[in-house]
C-alpha atoms as a PDB file:
ATOM      1  CA  MET A   1     106.019  80.601 114.508  1.00  0.00           C
ATOM      2  CA  ALA A   2     105.671  78.641 111.985  1.00  0.00           C
ATOM      3  CA  ALA A   3     106.040  80.169 108.590  1.00  0.00           C
ATOM      4  CA  GLN A   4     102.798  81.482 106.759  1.00  0.00           C
ATOM      5  CA  SER A   5     102.045  79.209 103.552  1.00  0.00           C
ATOM      6  CA  LYS A   6     101.466  80.746  99.858  1.00  0.00           C
ATOM      7  CA  PRO A   7      98.074  82.018  99.814  1.00  0.00           C
ATOM      8  CA  ASN A   8      96.998  79.599  96.364  1.00  0.00           C
ATOM      9  CA  TYR A   9      96.665  81.226  92.497  1.00  0.00           C
ATOM     10  CA  TRP A  10      93.886  79.773  91.904  1.00  0.00           C
ATOM     11  CA  TRP A  11      91.741  79.397  94.466  1.00  0.00           C
ATOM     12  CA  SER A  12      92.455  83.335  95.041  1.00  0.00           C
ATOM     13  CA  LEU A  13      91.524  84.335  91.719  1.00  0.00           C
ATOM     14  CA  PHE A  14      88.717  82.722  91.634  1.00  0.00           C
ATOM     15  CA  THR A  15      87.708  83.940  95.065  1.00  0.00           C
ATOM     16  CA  MET A  16      88.545  86.774  93.595  1.00  0.00           C
ATOM     17  CA  LYS A  17      91.432  87.978  95.985  1.00  0.00           C
ATOM     18  CA  CYS A  18      93.862  90.646  95.790  1.00  0.00           C
ATOM     19  CA  PRO A  19      96.782  89.789  93.357  1.00  0.00           C
ATOM     20  CA  ARG A  20      99.403  91.335  95.345  1.00  0.00           C
ATOM     21  CA  CYS A  21      98.573  89.198  99.703  1.00  0.00           C
ATOM     22  CA  ARG A  22      96.124  86.920  98.066  1.00  0.00           C
ATOM     23  CA  LYS A  23      93.697  88.623 100.912  1.00  0.00           C
ATOM     24  CA  GLY A  24      92.171  91.608  99.926  1.00  0.00           C
ATOM     25  CA  PRO A  25      88.587  91.167  98.492  1.00  0.00           C
ATOM     26  CA  MET A  26      89.053  92.597  94.869  1.00  0.00           C
ATOM     27  CA  PHE A  27      84.567  94.034  95.093  1.00  0.00           C
ATOM     28  CA  VAL A  28      82.056  95.506  96.962  1.00  0.00           C
ATOM     29  CA  ASN A  29      79.730  92.610  97.379  1.00  0.00           C
ATOM     30  CA  ASN A  30      80.731  89.811  97.336  1.00  0.00           C
ATOM     31  CA  ASN A  31      77.372  88.632  94.901  1.00  0.00           C
ATOM     32  CA  PRO A  32      77.885  89.657  90.980  1.00  0.00           C
ATOM     33  CA  TRP A  33      74.515  89.301  90.569  1.00  0.00           C
ATOM     34  CA  ASN A  34      73.806  92.237  92.064  1.00  0.00           C
ATOM     35  CA  LEU A  35      73.520  93.821  88.571  1.00  0.00           C
ATOM     36  CA  LYS A  36      74.174  97.382  90.291  1.00  0.00           C
ATOM     37  CA  LYS A  37      77.108  96.795  92.021  1.00  0.00           C
ATOM     38  CA  THR A  38      78.661  93.926  89.560  1.00  0.00           C
ATOM     39  CA  LEU A  39      81.363  95.609  89.855  1.00  0.00           C
ATOM     40  CA  LYS A  40      81.913  98.202  92.513  1.00  0.00           C
ATOM     41  CA  MET A  41      85.662  97.603  93.516  1.00  0.00           C
ATOM     42  CA  PRO A  42      87.154  99.457  95.772  1.00  0.00           C
ATOM     43  CA  GLU A  43      90.233 101.641  94.833  1.00  0.00           C
ATOM     44  CA  LYS A  44      92.762  99.979  97.151  1.00  0.00           C
ATOM     45  CA  CYS A  45      93.138  96.838  98.441  1.00  0.00           C
ATOM     46  CA  PRO A  46      92.551  96.791 102.533  1.00  0.00           C
ATOM     47  CA  GLU A  47      95.269  94.158 102.900  1.00  0.00           C
ATOM     48  CA  CYS A  48      97.501  95.005 101.043  1.00  0.00           C
ATOM     49  CA  ASN A  49      97.034  98.828  99.473  1.00  0.00           C
ATOM     50  CA  GLN A  50      97.350  97.530  96.484  1.00  0.00           C
ATOM     51  CA  ARG A  51      95.437 100.186  93.916  1.00  0.00           C
ATOM     52  CA  TYR A  52      93.231  98.258  91.525  1.00  0.00           C
ATOM     53  CA  GLU A  53      92.927 100.433  88.095  1.00  0.00           C
ATOM     54  CA  LEU A  54      96.625 100.513  88.178  1.00  0.00           C
ATOM     55  CA  GLU A  55      95.726 103.807  85.610  1.00  0.00           C
ATOM     56  CA  VAL A  56      92.745 105.475  83.983  1.00  0.00           C
ATOM     57  CA  GLY A  57      91.493 102.912  81.601  1.00  0.00           C
ATOM     58  CA  PHE A  58      93.099 100.126  82.546  1.00  0.00           C
ATOM     59  CA  TRP A  59      89.731  98.247  83.039  1.00  0.00           C
ATOM     60  CA  TYR A  60      89.314  98.411  78.738  1.00  0.00           C
ATOM     61  CA  GLY A  61      91.725  95.231  78.144  1.00  0.00           C
ATOM     62  CA  THR A  62      89.541  92.618  80.470  1.00  0.00           C
ATOM     63  CA  GLY A  63      86.807  92.492  76.738  1.00  0.00           C
ATOM     64  CA  TYR A  64      89.643  90.350  75.234  1.00  0.00           C
ATOM     65  CA  VAL A  65      89.708  89.145  78.932  1.00  0.00           C
ATOM     66  CA  SER A  66      86.406  88.164  78.860  1.00  0.00           C
ATOM     67  CA  TYR A  67      85.111  87.319  75.077  1.00  0.00           C
ATOM     68  CA  GLY A  68      88.273  84.673  75.535  1.00  0.00           C
ATOM     69  CA  LEU A  69      86.484  83.198  78.307  1.00  0.00           C
ATOM     70  CA  THR A  70      83.423  83.147  76.479  1.00  0.00           C
ATOM     71  CA  VAL A  71      85.021  80.762  73.532  1.00  0.00           C
ATOM     72  CA  MET A  72      86.361  79.004  76.180  1.00  0.00           C
ATOM     73  CA  MET A  73      83.599  77.936  77.810  1.00  0.00           C
ATOM     74  CA  TYR A  74      81.694  77.619  74.479  1.00  0.00           C
ATOM     75  CA  ILE A  75      84.408  75.590  73.249  1.00  0.00           C
ATOM     76  CA  ILE A  76      84.663  73.370  76.451  1.00  0.00           C
ATOM     77  CA  GLY A  77      79.848  73.862  76.743  1.00  0.00           C
ATOM     78  CA  PHE A  78      80.350  71.797  72.662  1.00  0.00           C
ATOM     79  CA  ALA A  79      82.889  69.141  74.067  1.00  0.00           C
ATOM     80  CA  LEU A  80      81.471  68.133  76.831  1.00  0.00           C
ATOM     81  CA  TRP A  81      77.425  68.188  75.009  1.00  0.00           C
ATOM     82  CA  TRP A  82      79.405  66.459  72.018  1.00  0.00           C
ATOM     83  CA  PHE A  83      80.980  63.611  74.451  1.00  0.00           C
ATOM     84  CA  ILE A  84      78.067  62.680  76.484  1.00  0.00           C
ATOM     85  CA  ILE A  85      75.376  63.288  74.017  1.00  0.00           C
ATOM     86  CA  GLY A  86      76.985  63.716  71.163  1.00  0.00           C
ATOM     87  CA  MET A  87      75.771  65.806  68.142  1.00  0.00           C
ATOM     88  CA  SER A  88      73.802  65.073  64.443  1.00  0.00           C
ATOM     89  CA  THR A  89      72.689  66.432  61.776  1.00  0.00           C
ATOM     90  CA  THR A  90      69.439  64.662  61.628  1.00  0.00           C
ATOM     91  CA  ASP A  91      68.118  66.407  64.457  1.00  0.00           C
ATOM     92  CA  ASP A  92      67.979  69.308  66.833  1.00  0.00           C
ATOM     93  CA  ARG A  93      70.697  68.319  69.084  1.00  0.00           C
ATOM     94  CA  PHE A  94      72.896  71.324  67.999  1.00  0.00           C
ATOM     95  CA  VAL A  95      70.153  73.773  68.589  1.00  0.00           C
ATOM     96  CA  TRP A  96      69.072  72.835  71.662  1.00  0.00           C
ATOM     97  CA  TRP A  97      73.151  73.275  72.752  1.00  0.00           C
ATOM     98  CA  LEU A  98      74.067  76.753  71.146  1.00  0.00           C
ATOM     99  CA  CYS A  99      70.101  77.560  73.402  1.00  0.00           C
ATOM    100  CA  ILE A 100      71.558  75.734  76.783  1.00  0.00           C
ATOM    101  CA  ASN A 101      74.643  77.166  76.216  1.00  0.00           C
ATOM    102  CA  THR A 102      74.169  80.354  75.687  1.00  0.00           C
ATOM    103  CA  THR A 103      71.150  80.824  77.937  1.00  0.00           C
ATOM    104  CA  LEU A 104      74.437  79.319  80.603  1.00  0.00           C
ATOM    105  CA  ILE A 105      76.241  81.938  78.943  1.00  0.00           C
ATOM    106  CA  VAL A 106      74.090  85.352  79.506  1.00  0.00           C
ATOM    107  CA  PHE A 107      73.435  83.809  82.762  1.00  0.00           C
ATOM    108  CA  LEU A 108      77.331  83.885  83.929  1.00  0.00           C
ATOM    109  CA  GLN A 109      78.076  87.271  82.571  1.00  0.00           C
ATOM    110  CA  PRO A 110      78.078  88.847  85.917  1.00  0.00           C
ATOM    111  CA  TRP A 111      81.001  86.364  87.207  1.00  0.00           C
ATOM    112  CA  ILE A 112      82.693  86.544  83.998  1.00  0.00           C
ATOM    113  CA  MET A 113      83.065  90.148  83.813  1.00  0.00           C
ATOM    114  CA  ARG A 114      84.594  89.827  87.419  1.00  0.00           C
ATOM    115  CA  LEU A 115      86.564  86.743  86.727  1.00  0.00           C
ATOM    116  CA  SER A 116      87.828  88.955  83.386  1.00  0.00           C
ATOM    117  CA  ARG A 117      88.934  92.034  86.024  1.00  0.00           C
ATOM    118  CA  ALA A 118      90.346  89.977  87.964  1.00  0.00           C
ATOM    119  CA  VAL A 119      93.080  87.866  86.054  1.00  0.00           C
ATOM    120  CA  TYR A 120      93.832  90.485  83.875  1.00  0.00           C
ATOM    121  CA  LEU A 121      95.055  92.773  87.662  1.00  0.00           C
ATOM    122  CA  TYR A 122      96.871  88.959  87.690  1.00  0.00           C
ATOM    123  CA  PHE A 123      98.868  89.210  84.754  1.00  0.00           C
ATOM    124  CA  PHE A 124      99.877  92.668  85.686  1.00  0.00           C
ATOM    125  CA  VAL A 125     100.414  92.365  89.508  1.00  0.00           C
ATOM    126  CA  ARG A 126     102.477  89.725  90.866  1.00  0.00           C
ATOM    127  CA  TYR A 127     101.608  87.950  94.693  1.00  0.00           C
ATOM    128  CA  ASP A 128     104.261  89.207  96.758  1.00  0.00           C
ATOM    129  CA  ALA A 129     104.879  87.164  99.997  1.00  0.00           C
ATOM    130  CA  ASP A 130     106.626  90.311 101.384  1.00  0.00           C
ATOM    131  CA  TYR A 131     103.917  93.000 101.253  1.00  0.00           C
ATOM    132  CA  LYS A 132     103.984  94.641 104.363  1.00  0.00           C
ATOM    133  CA  ASN A 133     107.440  95.860 103.961  1.00  0.00           C
ATOM    134  CA  THR A 134     107.322  96.565  99.938  1.00  0.00           C
ATOM    135  CA  LYS A 135     106.540  99.093  97.943  1.00  0.00           C
ATOM    136  CA  THR A 136     102.639  97.973  95.195  1.00  0.00           C
ATOM    137  CA  LYS A 137     103.034  97.578  91.711  1.00  0.00           C
ATOM    138  CA  THR A 138     102.332 101.251  89.693  1.00  0.00           C
ATOM    139  CA  PHE A 139     102.553 102.253  85.726  1.00  0.00           C
ATOM    140  CA  ASP A 140     104.920 105.539  85.219  1.00  0.00           C
ATOM    141  CA  TYR A 141     101.903 106.952  84.232  1.00  0.00           C
ATOM    142  CA  GLU A 142      99.956 108.076  87.740  1.00  0.00           C
ATOM    143  CA  THR A 143     103.419 109.987  88.061  1.00  0.00           C
ATOM    144  CA  GLY A 144     102.527 113.645  85.654  1.00  0.00           C
ATOM    145  CA  ASP A 145     106.481 113.286  85.004  1.00  0.00           C
ATOM    146  CA  TYR A 146     104.514 111.556  82.475  1.00  0.00           C
ATOM    147  CA  TYR A 147     102.915 113.433  80.490  1.00  0.00           C
ATOM    148  CA  HIS A 148     105.655 115.871  81.248  1.00  0.00           C
ATOM    149  CA  LYS A 149     108.512 114.293  79.550  1.00  0.00           C
ATOM    150  CA  GLU A 150     111.193 116.482  77.557  1.00  0.00           C
ATOM    151  CA  GLU A 151     113.062 114.706  74.133  1.00  0.00           C
END
């Protein structure tokens, strides 16, 4: 029997699969532009039972990831525009770039929000080839002991 190969990190990240098993979907609906269900996630991965929300308020950190991704997209868009079309102070090329890039970012925002969640979760949960026999990743905050520790 041939050994099963490790799922590709980048493919799993961009298709938003569970970081632990890289098989289970992170979102209930595959379409990020269904705005009522954009961020709807199952509580746990259907494949490996990894909890997605590791603690209360866990997803607040994705705002920083989303901001970074958006700035990166603006920089890449600016560089591509500069090399393909060029920039000038004598015409409206900069205004055109700004309008087109901003429209693109606004259109991609549901996908960016999902990607931010995936990147953030991938930061805390690592791939586990033996996920069927090992415990899932948790934080200490999950137990009541965290709140009742005596010092």
